[in-house]
Amino acid sequence: MLGNLPNILTLTRILLLPFFAATLLYGEYRIALLVFILASVTDFLDGLIARIRNQVTYFGKILDPVADKFFLITSFVLMGVSGLTPKWLTIIVISKDVIVLTGSMILYFVTHNLKIEPTFFGKLASACQFILIGLVLLLLNFGATMQVHLSVFIFVAVITAVSAVHYIYKGLKIAHTENT
């Protein structure tokens, strides 16, 4: 379980998080970009290796999205507080995750079954959020006077909100099916 390479890579991504957070807090954006790239590579490799080597574990299925959420929430909080991304976007990102987590807990209490399945919209929202963080870091390092256009922030917000609504819909559908 813990000894396989994909799980070690996922744990490595979690262990990189304090370093990433510190680099953002102290304005060391070049190092933050390097840590972000390293974390992204571990994220890519853990899934790839798990599928190629047939090392997909239940632990890994839970840990990987948790690692992603830790990274995303930390990034948006720190970038929002420092003015690198809009605070309203941070609120939307966190609210979506709180809604999904709360809905999952309610479903567990109602159905006595916890089946965590990412959706297309959930994966799309996470991908857009990661791309946005990477874009902000790239522009901080190499964009000189360039900034992320407001429309990009709005696009990520809309995709994130659509994902939240879709998870609510799925949760209500599951709850209705289980109670009939």
Protein backbone atom coordinates (compact mmCIF):
# COMPACT_ATOMS: atom_id res chain seq x y z
CA MET A 1 0.00 0.00 0.00
CA LEU A 2 2.41 2.70 1.17
CA GLY A 3 5.49 1.08 -0.36
CA ASN A 4 4.49 1.40 -3.98
CA LEU A 5 6.01 4.16 -6.09
CA PRO A 6 2.78 5.96 -7.05
CA ASN A 7 1.81 6.38 -3.39
CA ILE A 8 5.34 7.56 -2.53
CA LEU A 9 5.10 10.16 -5.32
CA THR A 10 1.74 11.36 -3.98
CA LEU A 11 3.15 11.63 -0.46
CA THR A 12 6.11 13.54 -1.90
CA ARG A 13 3.66 16.03 -3.41
CA ILE A 14 2.08 16.54 0.00
CA LEU A 15 5.51 17.00 1.59
CA LEU A 16 6.37 19.65 -1.04
CA LEU A 17 3.39 21.73 0.03
CA PRO A 18 5.01 23.54 3.01
CA PHE A 19 7.97 24.50 0.81
CA PHE A 20 5.62 25.77 -1.88
CA ALA A 21 3.62 27.75 0.68
CA ALA A 22 6.77 29.28 2.18
CA THR A 23 8.08 30.35 -1.22
CA LEU A 24 4.77 32.04 -2.00
CA LEU A 25 4.64 33.75 1.40
CA TYR A 26 8.14 35.12 1.05
CA GLY A 27 7.79 36.13 -2.58
CA GLU A 28 10.32 33.60 -3.88
CA TYR A 29 8.34 33.07 -7.06
CA ARG A 30 11.11 31.36 -9.05
CA ILE A 31 11.47 28.71 -6.37
CA ALA A 32 7.67 28.51 -6.07
CA LEU A 33 7.48 27.82 -9.80
CA LEU A 34 10.13 25.09 -9.53
CA VAL A 35 8.33 23.43 -6.60
CA PHE A 36 5.04 23.73 -8.49
CA ILE A 37 6.58 22.06 -11.55
CA LEU A 38 8.06 19.30 -9.39
CA ALA A 39 4.69 18.73 -7.71
CA SER A 40 2.98 18.67 -11.11
CA VAL A 41 5.45 16.09 -12.39
CA THR A 42 4.85 13.86 -9.35
CA ASP A 43 1.10 14.23 -9.92
CA PHE A 44 1.44 13.17 -13.54
CA LEU A 45 3.83 10.30 -12.78
CA ASP A 46 1.91 8.79 -9.86
CA GLY A 47 -1.17 8.18 -12.01
CA LEU A 48 0.81 7.03 -15.03
CA ILE A 49 2.96 4.60 -13.07
CA ALA A 50 -0.02 3.28 -11.11
CA ARG A 51 -1.83 2.40 -14.35
CA ILE A 52 1.21 1.05 -16.22
CA ARG A 53 2.41 -1.12 -13.32
CA ASN A 54 -1.11 -1.98 -12.20
CA GLN A 55 -0.37 -0.46 -8.78
CA VAL A 56 -3.66 1.38 -8.28
CA THR A 57 -4.58 1.14 -4.60
CA TYR A 58 -7.58 2.29 -2.58
CA PHE A 59 -5.15 4.36 -0.48
CA GLY A 60 -3.83 6.03 -3.63
CA LYS A 61 -7.34 6.69 -4.97
CA ILE A 62 -8.09 8.63 -1.79
CA LEU A 63 -4.68 10.23 -1.25
CA ASP A 64 -4.18 11.62 -4.77
CA PRO A 65 -7.25 13.89 -4.83
CA VAL A 66 -6.56 14.91 -1.22
CA ALA A 67 -3.04 15.96 -2.24
CA ASP A 68 -4.51 17.93 -5.14
CA LYS A 69 -7.01 19.67 -2.86
CA PHE A 70 -4.31 20.54 -0.31
CA PHE A 71 -2.22 22.09 -3.08
CA LEU A 72 -5.11 23.94 -4.70
CA ILE A 73 -6.59 25.35 -1.51
CA THR A 74 -3.20 26.40 -0.17
CA SER A 75 -2.34 28.04 -3.49
CA PHE A 76 -5.58 29.95 -3.79
CA VAL A 77 -5.58 31.11 -0.18
CA LEU A 78 -2.00 32.37 -0.34
CA MET A 79 -2.34 33.85 -3.82
CA GLY A 80 -5.67 35.45 -2.93
CA VAL A 81 -4.35 37.00 0.28
CA SER A 82 -1.28 38.34 -1.51
CA GLY A 83 -3.36 39.77 -4.37
CA LEU A 84 -2.00 37.45 -7.06
CA THR A 85 -5.49 36.07 -7.72
CA PRO A 86 -8.87 37.61 -6.86
CA LYS A 87 -10.19 36.86 -3.37
CA TRP A 88 -13.61 36.07 -4.82
CA LEU A 89 -12.06 33.24 -6.83
CA THR A 90 -10.52 31.82 -3.66
CA ILE A 91 -13.96 31.89 -2.05
CA ILE A 92 -15.50 30.03 -5.01
CA VAL A 93 -12.76 27.37 -5.06
CA ILE A 94 -12.98 26.73 -1.32
CA SER A 95 -16.80 26.85 -1.30
CA LYS A 96 -16.96 24.20 -4.01
CA ASP A 97 -14.71 21.89 -1.99
CA VAL A 98 -16.68 22.51 1.22
CA ILE A 99 -19.91 21.75 -0.66
CA VAL A 100 -18.50 18.51 -2.07
CA LEU A 101 -17.07 17.42 1.29
CA THR A 102 -20.25 18.27 3.19
CA GLY A 103 -22.39 16.57 0.57
CA SER A 104 -20.21 13.46 0.73
CA MET A 105 -20.57 13.31 4.50
CA ILE A 106 -24.35 13.73 4.28
CA LEU A 107 -24.54 11.00 1.64
CA TYR A 108 -22.48 8.72 3.85
CA PHE A 109 -24.85 9.24 6.77
CA VAL A 110 -27.90 8.72 4.56
CA THR A 111 -26.65 5.77 2.51
CA HIS A 112 -23.95 4.31 4.82
CA ASN A 113 -21.78 4.11 1.75
CA LEU A 114 -19.00 6.44 0.70
CA LYS A 115 -18.22 6.12 -2.96
CA ILE A 116 -15.89 8.89 -4.06
CA GLU A 117 -15.93 9.22 -7.81
CA PRO A 118 -14.54 12.26 -9.56
CA THR A 119 -16.63 13.64 -12.40
CA PHE A 120 -15.60 15.14 -15.71
CA PHE A 121 -16.51 18.61 -14.44
CA GLY A 122 -14.61 18.04 -11.19
CA LYS A 123 -11.49 17.00 -13.07
CA LEU A 124 -11.90 19.90 -15.51
CA ALA A 125 -12.24 22.38 -12.64
CA SER A 126 -9.13 21.05 -10.92
CA ALA A 127 -7.18 21.10 -14.18
CA CYS A 128 -8.23 24.71 -14.87
CA GLN A 129 -7.28 25.71 -11.33
CA PHE A 130 -3.84 24.08 -11.62
CA ILE A 131 -3.28 25.69 -15.03
CA LEU A 132 -4.23 29.08 -13.60
CA ILE A 133 -1.79 28.72 -10.70
CA GLY A 134 0.95 27.72 -13.15
CA LEU A 135 0.08 30.65 -15.42
CA VAL A 136 0.23 33.13 -12.54
CA LEU A 137 3.61 31.75 -11.48
CA LEU A 138 4.95 31.84 -15.06
CA LEU A 139 3.86 35.45 -15.52
CA LEU A 140 5.35 36.43 -12.15
CA ASN A 141 8.66 35.01 -13.30
CA PHE A 142 8.75 35.76 -17.00
CA GLY A 143 5.84 38.02 -17.86
CA ALA A 144 7.39 41.31 -16.73
CA THR A 145 4.32 43.55 -16.92
CA MET A 146 1.85 40.94 -18.16
CA GLN A 147 -1.01 39.85 -15.92
CA VAL A 148 -3.70 37.22 -16.13
CA HIS A 149 -6.75 38.73 -17.80
CA LEU A 150 -9.92 38.94 -15.72
CA SER A 151 -11.73 36.70 -18.22
CA VAL A 152 -9.40 33.81 -17.30
CA PHE A 153 -10.29 34.16 -13.62
CA ILE A 154 -13.98 34.30 -14.53
CA PHE A 155 -13.66 31.21 -16.74
CA VAL A 156 -12.04 29.23 -13.89
CA ALA A 157 -14.73 30.47 -11.50
CA VAL A 158 -17.54 29.40 -13.84
CA ILE A 159 -16.05 25.94 -14.44
CA THR A 160 -15.58 25.54 -10.67
CA ALA A 161 -19.18 26.62 -9.98
CA VAL A 162 -20.53 24.29 -12.69
CA SER A 163 -18.56 21.48 -11.07
CA ALA A 164 -20.13 22.27 -7.68
CA VAL A 165 -23.64 22.29 -9.15
CA HIS A 166 -22.95 19.00 -10.94
CA TYR A 167 -21.74 17.36 -7.71
CA ILE A 168 -24.87 18.61 -5.92
CA TYR A 169 -27.03 17.17 -8.69
CA LYS A 170 -25.23 13.81 -8.52
CA GLY A 171 -25.50 13.75 -4.73
CA LEU A 172 -29.22 14.49 -4.76
CA LYS A 173 -29.75 11.81 -7.39
CA ILE A 174 -27.85 9.23 -5.29
CA ALA A 175 -29.73 10.23 -2.13
CA HIS A 176 -33.07 9.98 -3.95
CA THR A 177 -32.20 6.56 -5.41
CA GLU A 178 -31.09 5.20 -2.02
CA ASN A 179 -34.23 6.45 -0.24
CA THR A 180 -36.80 5.04 -2.67
